[in-house]
Protein backbone atom coordinates (compact mmCIF):
# COMPACT_ATOMS: atom_id res chain seq x y z
CA UNK A 1 -5.59 43.18 -123.35
CA UNK A 2 -4.24 45.87 -122.22
CA UNK A 3 -7.85 47.62 -121.37
CA UNK A 4 -8.74 43.99 -119.75
CA UNK A 5 -4.92 44.30 -117.56
CA UNK A 6 -6.52 47.14 -116.60
CA UNK A 7 -9.61 46.57 -115.51
CA UNK A 8 -8.41 43.87 -113.82
CA UNK A 9 -6.09 46.33 -111.20
CA UNK A 10 -8.90 48.73 -111.02
CA UNK A 11 -11.20 46.17 -109.41
CA UNK A 12 -8.36 44.18 -107.26
CA UNK A 13 -7.48 47.69 -106.03
CA UNK A 14 -11.14 48.43 -105.16
CA UNK A 15 -11.63 45.82 -103.59
CA UNK A 16 -8.82 46.03 -101.34
CA UNK A 17 -10.04 49.90 -100.57
CA UNK A 18 -13.28 47.54 -99.41
CA UNK A 19 -12.23 46.00 -97.67
CA UNK A 20 -9.46 48.29 -95.75
CA UNK A 21 -11.13 49.72 -93.98
CA UNK A 22 -12.89 47.18 -91.71
CA UNK A 23 -9.52 45.22 -91.53
CA UNK A 24 -7.58 48.88 -90.28
CA UNK A 25 -10.40 48.76 -87.45
CA UNK A 26 -9.66 45.50 -86.93
CA UNK A 27 -5.32 45.95 -86.64
CA UNK A 28 -5.09 49.05 -84.84
CA UNK A 29 -4.38 46.90 -81.94
CA UNK A 30 -1.35 44.89 -83.84
CA UNK A 31 1.96 46.99 -83.42
CA UNK A 32 3.52 47.46 -87.03
CA UNK A 33 6.39 45.89 -86.16
CA UNK A 34 5.09 42.82 -85.76
CA UNK A 35 3.78 42.85 -88.97
CA UNK A 36 7.04 44.00 -90.38
CA UNK A 37 8.64 41.32 -88.50
CA UNK A 38 6.42 38.44 -90.27
CA UNK A 39 6.87 40.17 -93.21
CA UNK A 40 10.94 39.83 -92.98
CA UNK A 41 9.98 36.54 -91.94
CA UNK A 42 8.35 35.37 -94.46
CA UNK A 43 10.04 36.52 -97.20
CA UNK A 44 13.51 34.99 -95.40
CA UNK A 45 11.88 31.76 -96.08
CA UNK A 46 10.76 32.26 -99.31
CA UNK A 47 14.70 33.53 -100.56
CA UNK A 48 15.51 30.01 -98.49
CA UNK A 49 12.77 28.03 -99.88
CA UNK A 50 14.45 29.23 -103.66
CA UNK A 51 18.39 28.72 -102.47
CA UNK A 52 17.49 25.21 -101.40
CA UNK A 53 16.17 24.28 -104.47
CA UNK A 54 18.70 25.94 -106.54
CA UNK A 55 21.33 24.18 -104.75
CA UNK A 56 19.59 20.80 -104.64
CA UNK A 57 19.69 20.85 -108.83
CA UNK A 58 22.97 21.96 -109.02
CA UNK A 59 23.80 18.52 -106.93
CA UNK A 60 21.87 16.60 -108.68
CA UNK A 61 23.28 13.44 -109.77
CA UNK A 62 21.91 12.12 -113.20
CA UNK A 63 23.33 8.54 -113.31
CA UNK A 64 20.49 7.47 -115.47
CA UNK A 65 22.49 8.02 -119.36
CA UNK A 66 25.30 6.86 -118.10
CA UNK A 67 26.50 3.38 -119.60
CA UNK A 68 29.12 1.33 -117.91
CA UNK A 69 30.58 -1.50 -120.05
CA UNK A 70 32.21 -4.84 -118.75
CA UNK A 71 34.21 -6.17 -120.70
CA UNK A 72 35.90 -9.51 -119.52
CA UNK A 73 39.57 -10.33 -120.27
CA UNK A 74 40.64 -12.31 -122.82
CA UNK A 75 43.11 -14.05 -121.54
CA UNK A 76 41.81 -15.07 -117.94
CA UNK A 77 39.34 -16.99 -119.85
C-alpha cells in the first residue's frame, strides 16, 4: 500500500513537471498577483461555503419526530 502511494505520488509529480514547462511559457505574461488574488478569492469562497453548510446544519429544525397529542377536555363534551 505504501509503495503504491509513493508510485502514484511520483507519477503525479512527473506529470506536473512535464506540464510545468509549457505552462510556464504560456503564463509568462500573467502577473503573479493576479494568480495570488484569484487563489485568495477561491480560498475565501471555499471557507464561506463550508461556513454556510455548518450554519445551515446548526439551525435546521427537524420536526419529523415531534409527537403532538391533542387531548380533549372531558368536561366540555
